[in-house]
Amino acid sequence: VKAVIFDMDGLMFDTERLWDTLWEPACAALGLPLPADMEKFKAGGRGLAGDNLRRHVAEYIPGDPQKVLDKIWQLGDERFARGVPCKKGLKELAALEDMGLPRIVASSSPRNMIEMNLQTTGTARYFHDVVSGTEVAHSKPAPDTFLVAAEKLHLDPHDCLVLEDSFNGGPRRGLCDRDGAGSAAADGGDRAAV
């Protein structure tokens, strides 16, 4: 392993729980009903971005999914500007710096949100760059976000360890590859990749 690619929401920061709280006020502000099965809706949308997320929202919430997502991003910007909680063990993973391993964040979240979370938590200095799911042709669960991250590090994807906590976040074999395999994920309620 020559580099480590980090997912963000749920792995680095306890933001998935915060995102989950934004759907009700977003739908209320737009006069839209909440999905009948909120748990299924929330679980199925974690780690998605771009067209994948728009399709997911359209399946559960009537109307224009982009308007719903625009409202979610607005509410997210307001909430996350106050800071987000780091997941246990994040600061210890920064020890990878001592090993000389390059680190990059590859997240479905918009770039401005990734950068804001890194800044408000004081963790920006541990990462060389970021890749947003909004910057790639195919967002998660496709491996594009991780492949671009490897490219930015000037490394073969097979030389990169991907840390990902969501089953929607990408494939499961441990190292990033073009065939869709890419992340080690532990099973369980609050999954954390190691």
Protein backbone atom coordinates (compact mmCIF):
# COMPACT_ATOMS: atom_id res chain seq x y z
CA VAL A 1 0.00 0.00 0.00
CA LYS A 2 1.43 3.33 -1.11
CA ALA A 3 -1.48 5.65 -0.21
CA VAL A 4 -4.77 5.74 1.70
CA ILE A 5 -8.04 7.07 0.29
CA PHE A 6 -10.59 8.11 2.91
CA ASP A 7 -14.34 8.32 2.53
CA MET A 8 -15.68 11.20 4.64
CA ASP A 9 -19.33 11.01 5.76
CA GLY A 10 -19.71 8.33 8.39
CA LEU A 11 -16.06 7.26 8.32
CA MET A 12 -14.19 10.44 9.28
CA PHE A 13 -17.04 12.51 10.64
CA ASP A 14 -20.36 11.63 12.24
CA THR A 15 -22.19 13.46 9.46
CA GLU A 16 -24.48 10.70 8.16
CA ARG A 17 -26.55 11.06 11.32
CA LEU A 18 -26.67 14.84 10.75
CA TRP A 19 -27.68 14.45 7.09
CA ASP A 20 -30.51 12.18 8.22
CA THR A 21 -31.98 15.03 10.31
CA LEU A 22 -32.20 17.38 7.31
CA TRP A 23 -34.76 15.51 5.19
CA GLU A 24 -37.76 16.45 7.35
CA PRO A 25 -37.10 20.22 7.35
CA ALA A 26 -36.18 20.14 3.65
CA CYS A 27 -39.42 18.42 2.68
CA ALA A 28 -41.43 20.68 5.00
CA ALA A 29 -39.86 23.80 3.48
CA LEU A 30 -40.75 22.56 -0.01
CA GLY A 31 -44.25 21.36 0.96
CA LEU A 32 -43.41 17.76 0.09
CA PRO A 33 -44.30 14.59 1.98
CA LEU A 34 -41.62 12.51 3.66
CA PRO A 35 -40.97 9.03 2.30
CA ALA A 36 -43.26 6.40 3.82
CA ASP A 37 -40.27 4.30 4.89
CA MET A 38 -37.72 6.87 6.09
CA GLU A 39 -35.25 4.28 7.36
CA LYS A 40 -35.12 2.52 3.99
CA PHE A 41 -34.87 5.88 2.22
CA LYS A 42 -32.02 7.12 4.42
CA ALA A 43 -30.09 3.85 4.35
CA GLY A 44 -30.43 3.52 0.59
CA GLY A 45 -29.18 7.04 -0.06
CA ARG A 46 -26.04 6.98 2.05
CA GLY A 47 -22.91 7.38 -0.02
CA LEU A 48 -24.74 8.28 -3.24
CA ALA A 49 -24.15 11.42 -5.31
CA GLY A 50 -25.01 12.87 -8.69
CA ASP A 51 -27.49 10.98 -10.86
CA ASN A 52 -27.52 8.03 -8.45
CA LEU A 53 -28.70 10.27 -5.61
CA ARG A 54 -31.21 12.11 -7.82
CA ARG A 55 -32.73 8.78 -8.92
CA HIS A 56 -32.90 7.62 -5.31
CA VAL A 57 -34.65 10.81 -4.15
CA ALA A 58 -37.07 10.68 -7.12
CA GLU A 59 -38.04 7.13 -6.13
CA TYR A 60 -39.19 8.26 -2.67
CA ILE A 61 -40.11 11.97 -2.84
CA PRO A 62 -42.44 13.49 -5.47
CA GLY A 63 -41.41 16.51 -7.51
CA ASP A 64 -38.04 17.64 -8.81
CA PRO A 65 -35.29 15.72 -6.98
CA GLN A 66 -32.75 18.45 -7.73
CA LYS A 67 -34.87 21.03 -5.85
CA VAL A 68 -34.98 18.68 -2.87
CA LEU A 69 -31.21 18.17 -3.02
CA ASP A 70 -30.57 21.91 -3.38
CA LYS A 71 -32.55 22.43 -0.16
CA ILE A 72 -30.64 19.62 1.57
CA TRP A 73 -27.29 21.15 0.53
CA GLN A 74 -28.42 24.58 1.79
CA LEU A 75 -29.47 23.15 5.16
CA GLY A 76 -26.29 21.06 5.29
CA ASP A 77 -24.10 24.10 4.65
CA GLU A 78 -25.81 25.95 7.49
CA ARG A 79 -25.54 23.04 9.93
CA PHE A 80 -22.01 21.90 9.06
CA ALA A 81 -20.62 25.45 9.22
CA ARG A 82 -21.00 25.07 13.00
CA GLY A 83 -18.64 22.07 12.89
CA VAL A 84 -19.09 18.31 12.79
CA PRO A 85 -18.06 15.62 15.25
CA CYS A 86 -15.02 13.51 14.37
CA LYS A 87 -15.45 9.77 14.49
CA LYS A 88 -13.48 7.92 17.13
CA GLY A 89 -10.05 6.97 15.83
CA LEU A 90 -9.78 9.64 13.13
CA LYS A 91 -6.93 11.49 14.80
CA GLU A 92 -5.09 8.18 15.30
CA LEU A 93 -5.35 7.47 11.58
CA ALA A 94 -3.46 10.68 11.07
CA ALA A 95 -0.45 8.66 12.26
CA LEU A 96 -0.27 7.54 8.64
CA GLU A 97 1.49 10.85 8.16
CA ASP A 98 4.40 9.51 10.21
CA MET A 99 4.58 6.51 7.87
CA GLY A 100 4.88 8.78 4.84
CA LEU A 101 1.69 7.50 3.22
CA PRO A 102 -0.14 10.10 1.13
CA ARG A 103 -3.78 10.60 2.16
CA ILE A 104 -6.71 11.95 0.16
CA VAL A 105 -10.44 12.31 0.86
CA ALA A 106 -12.83 10.86 -1.76
CA SER A 107 -16.42 11.66 -0.82
CA SER A 108 -19.84 11.91 -2.43
CA SER A 109 -20.30 15.27 -0.72
CA PRO A 110 -19.73 18.54 -2.59
CA ARG A 111 -16.15 19.86 -2.52
CA ASN A 112 -17.06 22.95 -0.47
CA MET A 113 -18.59 20.73 2.21
CA ILE A 114 -15.59 18.39 2.29
CA GLU A 115 -13.22 21.34 2.66
CA MET A 116 -15.41 23.02 5.29
CA ASN A 117 -15.53 19.81 7.38
CA LEU A 118 -11.77 19.38 7.16
CA GLN A 119 -11.20 23.01 8.18
CA THR A 120 -13.70 23.16 11.07
CA THR A 121 -12.33 19.92 12.57
CA GLY A 122 -8.66 20.86 12.18
CA THR A 123 -7.97 17.78 10.04
CA ALA A 124 -7.26 19.49 6.69
CA ARG A 125 -3.51 19.36 7.31
CA TYR A 126 -3.57 15.55 7.29
CA PHE A 127 -4.79 15.28 3.69
CA HIS A 128 -3.07 16.10 0.42
CA ASP A 129 -6.22 16.71 -1.62
CA VAL A 130 -9.93 15.92 -1.96
CA VAL A 131 -12.17 14.45 -4.65
CA SER A 132 -15.91 15.10 -4.68
CA GLY A 133 -18.47 12.76 -6.17
CA THR A 134 -19.81 15.78 -8.03
CA GLU A 135 -16.50 15.98 -9.95
CA VAL A 136 -16.65 12.53 -11.57
CA ALA A 137 -18.69 11.03 -14.40
CA HIS A 138 -20.13 8.23 -12.25
CA SER A 139 -20.52 8.79 -8.53
CA LYS A 140 -20.51 6.11 -5.87
CA PRO A 141 -21.15 3.23 -5.81
CA ALA A 142 -19.11 3.33 -9.05
CA PRO A 143 -15.36 3.46 -8.28
CA ASP A 144 -14.73 6.70 -10.23
CA THR A 145 -14.25 8.86 -7.13
CA PHE A 146 -11.57 6.50 -5.83
CA LEU A 147 -9.92 6.15 -9.25
CA VAL A 148 -9.63 9.93 -9.60
CA ALA A 149 -8.18 10.08 -6.08
CA ALA A 150 -5.49 7.55 -7.05
CA GLU A 151 -4.81 9.53 -10.23
CA LYS A 152 -4.39 12.75 -8.21
CA LEU A 153 -1.82 10.93 -6.08
CA HIS A 154 -0.05 9.72 -9.26
CA LEU A 155 -0.48 6.11 -8.18
CA ASP A 156 -1.87 2.96 -9.68
CA PRO A 157 -5.28 2.32 -8.07
CA HIS A 158 -4.08 -1.13 -6.93
CA ASP A 159 -1.53 0.62 -4.70
CA CYS A 160 -4.23 2.50 -2.77
CA LEU A 161 -6.07 1.32 0.32
CA VAL A 162 -9.63 2.67 0.42
CA LEU A 163 -11.34 3.25 3.76
CA GLU A 164 -15.11 3.31 3.24
CA ASP A 165 -17.94 2.75 5.71
CA SER A 166 -21.02 2.58 3.47
CA PHE A 167 -22.21 -0.27 1.31
CA ASN A 168 -23.37 2.37 -1.19
CA GLY A 169 -19.93 3.94 -1.06
CA GLY A 170 -18.27 1.48 -3.32
CA PRO A 171 -16.97 -1.98 -3.79
CA ARG A 172 -15.53 -4.19 -1.14
CA ARG A 173 -12.18 -5.87 -1.76
CA GLY A 174 -9.69 -3.63 0.03
CA LEU A 175 -7.65 -2.03 -2.74
CA CYS A 176 -8.96 0.35 -5.36
CA ASP A 177 -9.33 -1.12 -8.84
CA ARG A 178 -10.99 -0.32 -12.12
CA ASP A 179 -13.25 -3.37 -11.98
CA GLY A 180 -15.28 -1.94 -9.15
CA ALA A 181 -13.49 -3.50 -6.23
CA GLY A 182 -12.11 -1.04 -3.84
CA SER A 183 -12.87 -0.72 -0.20
CA ALA A 184 -12.61 -2.67 2.96
CA ALA A 185 -15.83 -2.43 4.94
CA ALA A 186 -16.72 -4.08 8.19
CA ASP A 187 -20.31 -5.26 8.59
CA GLY A 188 -22.45 -3.86 11.38
CA GLY A 189 -24.79 -1.07 12.35
CA ASP A 190 -22.17 1.68 12.52
CA ARG A 191 -19.80 0.34 9.91
CA ALA A 192 -16.25 1.58 9.90
CA ALA A 193 -13.67 0.48 7.40
CA VAL A 194 -10.27 -0.48 8.64
